[in-house]
Amino acid sequence: MLPWRRSKFVLVEDEAKCKAKSLSPGLAYTSLLSSFLRSCPDLLPDWPLERLGRVFRSRRQKVELNKEDPTYTVWYLGNAVTLHAKGDGCTDDAVGKIWARCGPGGGTKMKLTLGPHGIRMQPSERGGGSGSGSGSGGGPGGRRPAHAYLLPRITYCAADGRHPRVFAWVYRHQARHKAVVLRCHAVLLARAHKARSLARLLRQTALAAFSDFKRLQERAGQAR
């Protein structure tokens, strides 16, 4: 084979390799764009290549789907009637009564789940505590039923100031003849920061639900 033909064959092979390499999936789009703009500098003379590369840079965001509702292991201390629906310190007197009646060694071990609809408590699989609070009556066979506290009826929640591990909330119970009774419920958590976290999460959930409700009302008004 003649030398010039061999050189031509080698050049064609090198060109094919370069083309395959330039079109490889691992090559960044910014490199291709930079090469193109360097060959044609009159297209975008005022834009730096780094700024133009950021336009085509993808931004990845992590989204957690099907997130489970947070669940806490608590000891239900009981409840007490209150006359205050909301406000700082409105649960102090009721929590004091519940604490004096039940104390730190009492209560029923429960699983508390906080979801978009409110609070749900169900008996722990490993059994309860040594005492029982007011309003937490037992079910058939000694098994206590689950309790649900709807979010629109929860008027206030907070971690108690005198007992940092206690989380309390005020609930509007529906009595006979459409009467409303305010009761303060209290649970004991293992750590004080968990009680504060639970109170903060419940307030955030209520605020988000109220914002969604207002948005739906505005859409309904515009549709009319």
Protein backbone atom coordinates (compact mmCIF):
# COMPACT_ATOMS: atom_id res chain seq x y z
CA MET A 1 0.00 0.00 0.00
CA LEU A 2 1.32 3.44 -0.89
CA PRO A 3 2.38 5.77 1.94
CA TRP A 4 -0.06 8.51 1.08
CA ARG A 5 -2.92 6.06 1.18
CA ARG A 6 -1.76 4.74 4.49
CA SER A 7 -1.53 8.27 5.88
CA LYS A 8 -4.99 9.04 4.56
CA PHE A 9 -6.33 5.93 6.24
CA VAL A 10 -4.73 6.92 9.52
CA LEU A 11 -6.11 10.42 9.31
CA VAL A 12 -9.61 9.13 8.69
CA GLU A 13 -9.31 6.79 11.65
CA ASP A 14 -8.10 9.57 13.93
CA GLU A 15 -10.94 11.79 12.79
CA ALA A 16 -13.48 9.07 13.53
CA LYS A 17 -12.01 8.60 17.01
CA CYS A 18 -12.14 12.30 17.70
CA LYS A 19 -15.71 12.50 16.53
CA ALA A 20 -16.74 9.56 18.68
CA LYS A 21 -14.96 11.05 21.64
CA SER A 22 -16.54 14.45 21.15
CA LEU A 23 -19.99 12.91 21.03
CA SER A 24 -19.47 10.70 24.07
CA PRO A 25 -22.18 10.96 26.74
CA GLY A 26 -19.71 12.01 29.40
CA LEU A 27 -18.79 15.28 27.66
CA ALA A 28 -20.46 18.29 29.24
CA TYR A 29 -22.74 20.55 27.25
CA THR A 30 -20.78 23.56 28.44
CA SER A 31 -17.63 22.23 26.72
CA LEU A 32 -19.48 21.84 23.42
CA LEU A 33 -20.96 25.30 23.81
CA SER A 34 -17.58 26.83 24.65
CA SER A 35 -15.96 25.24 21.59
CA PHE A 36 -18.76 26.50 19.37
CA LEU A 37 -18.55 30.06 20.68
CA ARG A 38 -14.78 30.15 20.35
CA SER A 39 -15.12 29.22 16.71
CA CYS A 40 -17.84 31.90 16.24
CA PRO A 41 -16.95 34.75 18.61
CA ASP A 42 -19.25 37.24 16.91
CA LEU A 43 -22.44 35.50 18.06
CA LEU A 44 -22.37 36.50 21.72
CA PRO A 45 -19.42 38.84 22.29
CA ASP A 46 -20.70 40.39 25.54
CA TRP A 47 -21.56 37.20 27.42
CA PRO A 48 -18.75 35.40 29.28
CA LEU A 49 -18.64 31.67 28.72
CA GLU A 50 -19.01 30.88 32.41
CA ARG A 51 -22.21 32.87 32.67
CA LEU A 52 -23.62 31.27 29.55
CA GLY A 53 -22.71 27.82 30.85
CA ARG A 54 -24.72 28.42 34.01
CA VAL A 55 -27.84 28.94 31.91
CA PHE A 56 -27.70 25.35 30.68
CA ARG A 57 -26.63 23.88 34.00
CA SER A 58 -29.29 21.64 35.45
CA ARG A 59 -30.35 22.07 39.06
CA ARG A 60 -31.20 18.87 40.85
CA GLN A 61 -33.65 18.92 43.73
CA LYS A 62 -34.45 16.03 46.02
CA VAL A 63 -38.13 15.45 46.69
CA GLU A 64 -39.26 12.88 49.23
CA LEU A 65 -42.42 11.14 48.12
CA ASN A 66 -44.83 9.19 50.31
CA LYS A 67 -43.33 10.55 53.49
CA GLU A 68 -44.68 8.77 56.55
CA ASP A 69 -46.31 10.74 59.35
CA PRO A 70 -44.02 11.20 62.36
CA THR A 71 -44.76 8.88 65.27
CA TYR A 72 -43.71 9.37 68.89
CA THR A 73 -43.74 7.02 71.85
CA VAL A 74 -45.56 8.84 74.66
CA TRP A 75 -47.22 8.20 78.01
CA TYR A 76 -50.73 9.59 78.06
CA LEU A 77 -51.22 11.34 81.41
CA GLY A 78 -54.90 12.22 81.02
CA ASN A 79 -56.99 15.33 80.49
CA ALA A 80 -58.70 18.06 82.46
CA VAL A 81 -61.46 20.56 81.73
CA THR A 82 -60.28 24.07 80.94
CA LEU A 83 -61.98 27.38 80.23
CA HIS A 84 -59.26 28.79 78.00
CA ALA A 85 -59.14 27.80 74.34
CA LYS A 86 -55.89 29.52 73.37
CA GLY A 87 -53.22 31.90 74.55
CA ASP A 88 -49.84 31.66 76.21
CA GLY A 89 -50.08 29.80 79.51
CA CYS A 90 -53.65 28.63 78.97
CA THR A 91 -52.64 25.01 79.65
CA ASP A 92 -50.62 25.64 82.83
CA ASP A 93 -53.43 25.08 85.34
CA ALA A 94 -54.82 22.03 83.54
CA VAL A 95 -51.39 20.43 83.17
CA GLY A 96 -50.76 21.09 86.87
CA LYS A 97 -53.92 19.20 87.79
CA ILE A 98 -53.08 16.31 85.45
CA TRP A 99 -49.51 16.10 86.77
CA ALA A 100 -50.65 16.10 90.40
CA ARG A 101 -53.15 13.32 89.66
CA CYS A 102 -50.92 11.12 87.51
CA GLY A 103 -47.31 12.12 88.14
CA PRO A 104 -44.18 11.16 86.21
CA GLY A 105 -44.48 7.45 87.00
CA GLY A 106 -48.02 7.03 85.70
CA GLY A 107 -49.67 7.23 82.36
CA THR A 108 -50.43 4.81 79.58
CA LYS A 109 -47.84 4.01 76.95
CA MET A 110 -49.16 5.04 73.53
CA LYS A 111 -48.03 5.69 69.98
CA LEU A 112 -48.81 9.27 68.96
CA THR A 113 -48.92 9.98 65.22
CA LEU A 114 -49.14 13.49 63.86
CA GLY A 115 -50.63 13.80 60.39
CA PRO A 116 -52.41 16.34 58.19
CA HIS A 117 -55.74 15.48 59.84
CA GLY A 118 -54.55 15.89 63.42
CA ILE A 119 -53.35 13.66 66.24
CA ARG A 120 -53.96 9.93 66.47
CA MET A 121 -53.05 7.86 69.51
CA GLN A 122 -53.16 4.11 69.71
CA PRO A 123 -51.92 1.65 72.34
CA SER A 124 -48.32 0.63 72.18
CA GLU A 125 -47.70 -2.95 71.13
CA ARG A 126 -45.55 -3.60 74.19
CA GLY A 127 -48.13 -2.60 76.73
CA GLY A 128 -48.88 0.46 78.82
CA GLY A 129 -47.72 2.11 82.01
CA SER A 130 -48.65 1.69 85.62
CA GLY A 131 -51.56 4.12 85.75
CA SER A 132 -54.37 5.48 83.67
CA GLY A 133 -55.37 9.07 83.05
CA SER A 134 -58.82 10.54 83.10
CA GLY A 135 -60.78 9.89 79.95
CA SER A 136 -58.58 7.02 78.73
CA GLY A 137 -60.98 4.18 79.42
CA GLY A 138 -60.10 0.64 78.50
CA GLY A 139 -61.58 -1.47 75.75
CA PRO A 140 -62.61 -5.11 75.68
CA GLY A 141 -60.06 -7.48 77.11
CA GLY A 142 -58.08 -4.64 78.71
CA ARG A 143 -57.02 -3.24 75.34
CA ARG A 144 -57.42 0.52 75.10
CA PRO A 145 -58.98 1.90 71.90
CA ALA A 146 -57.33 4.36 69.57
CA HIS A 147 -58.19 8.05 69.84
CA ALA A 148 -58.26 10.66 67.07
CA TYR A 149 -58.08 14.40 67.63
CA LEU A 150 -59.07 16.32 64.51
CA LEU A 151 -56.87 19.23 63.56
CA PRO A 152 -59.68 21.86 63.22
CA ARG A 153 -60.76 21.16 66.82
CA ILE A 154 -57.29 21.62 68.31
CA THR A 155 -57.22 25.21 69.51
CA TYR A 156 -53.81 25.35 71.17
CA CYS A 157 -50.69 23.26 71.81
CA ALA A 158 -47.43 23.79 73.66
CA ALA A 159 -44.65 22.12 75.57
CA ASP A 160 -45.23 22.79 79.26
CA GLY A 161 -42.92 25.31 80.89
CA ARG A 162 -42.73 23.68 84.32
CA HIS A 163 -42.50 20.15 82.94
CA PRO A 164 -40.48 20.38 79.70
CA ARG A 165 -41.12 16.75 78.72
CA VAL A 166 -44.90 17.26 78.75
CA PHE A 167 -46.73 18.14 75.54
CA ALA A 168 -50.28 19.47 75.96
CA TRP A 169 -53.05 20.50 73.61
CA VAL A 170 -56.56 21.94 74.05
CA TYR A 171 -59.33 20.13 72.19
CA ARG A 172 -62.95 21.09 71.57
CA HIS A 173 -65.00 18.00 72.41
CA GLN A 174 -68.51 17.69 71.06
CA ALA A 175 -70.90 16.92 73.91
CA ARG A 176 -74.63 16.23 73.89
CA HIS A 177 -77.06 18.73 72.40
CA LYS A 178 -74.22 20.33 70.39
CA ALA A 179 -72.48 21.53 73.53
CA VAL A 180 -68.73 22.12 73.39
CA VAL A 181 -66.36 21.15 76.19
CA LEU A 182 -62.73 22.28 76.23
CA ARG A 183 -60.32 19.69 77.57
CA CYS A 184 -56.57 19.90 77.92
CA HIS A 185 -54.78 16.64 77.10
CA ALA A 186 -51.22 15.93 78.19
CA VAL A 187 -48.62 13.34 77.20
CA LEU A 188 -45.14 12.70 78.54
CA LEU A 189 -42.24 12.20 76.13
CA ALA A 190 -38.78 10.77 76.71
CA ARG A 191 -36.92 14.01 75.98
CA ALA A 192 -37.78 17.69 76.32
CA HIS A 193 -36.65 18.50 72.79
CA LYS A 194 -39.15 15.96 71.44
CA ALA A 195 -42.00 17.76 73.21
CA ARG A 196 -40.89 21.09 71.72
CA SER A 197 -40.48 19.51 68.28
CA LEU A 198 -43.95 17.98 68.46
CA ALA A 199 -45.51 21.33 69.41
CA ARG A 200 -43.69 23.14 66.63
CA LEU A 201 -44.65 20.51 64.05
CA LEU A 202 -48.31 20.62 65.06
CA ARG A 203 -48.38 24.41 64.74
CA GLN A 204 -46.78 24.22 61.31
CA THR A 205 -49.29 21.57 60.21
CA ALA A 206 -52.21 23.71 61.39
CA LEU A 207 -50.83 26.79 59.63
CA ALA A 208 -50.37 24.88 56.37
CA ALA A 209 -53.90 23.47 56.58
CA PHE A 210 -55.31 26.95 57.19
CA SER A 211 -53.41 28.34 54.20
CA ASP A 212 -54.78 25.56 51.99
CA PHE A 213 -58.29 26.27 53.26
CA LYS A 214 -57.98 29.98 52.43
CA ARG A 215 -56.65 29.19 48.96
CA LEU A 216 -59.57 26.85 48.27
CA GLN A 217 -62.02 29.51 49.45
CA GLU A 218 -60.47 32.09 47.13
CA ARG A 219 -60.68 29.70 44.18
CA ALA A 220 -64.32 28.95 44.98
CA GLY A 221 -65.06 32.69 45.12
CA GLN A 222 -63.37 33.30 41.78
CA ALA A 223 -65.27 30.42 40.19
CA ARG A 224 -68.57 32.03 41.14
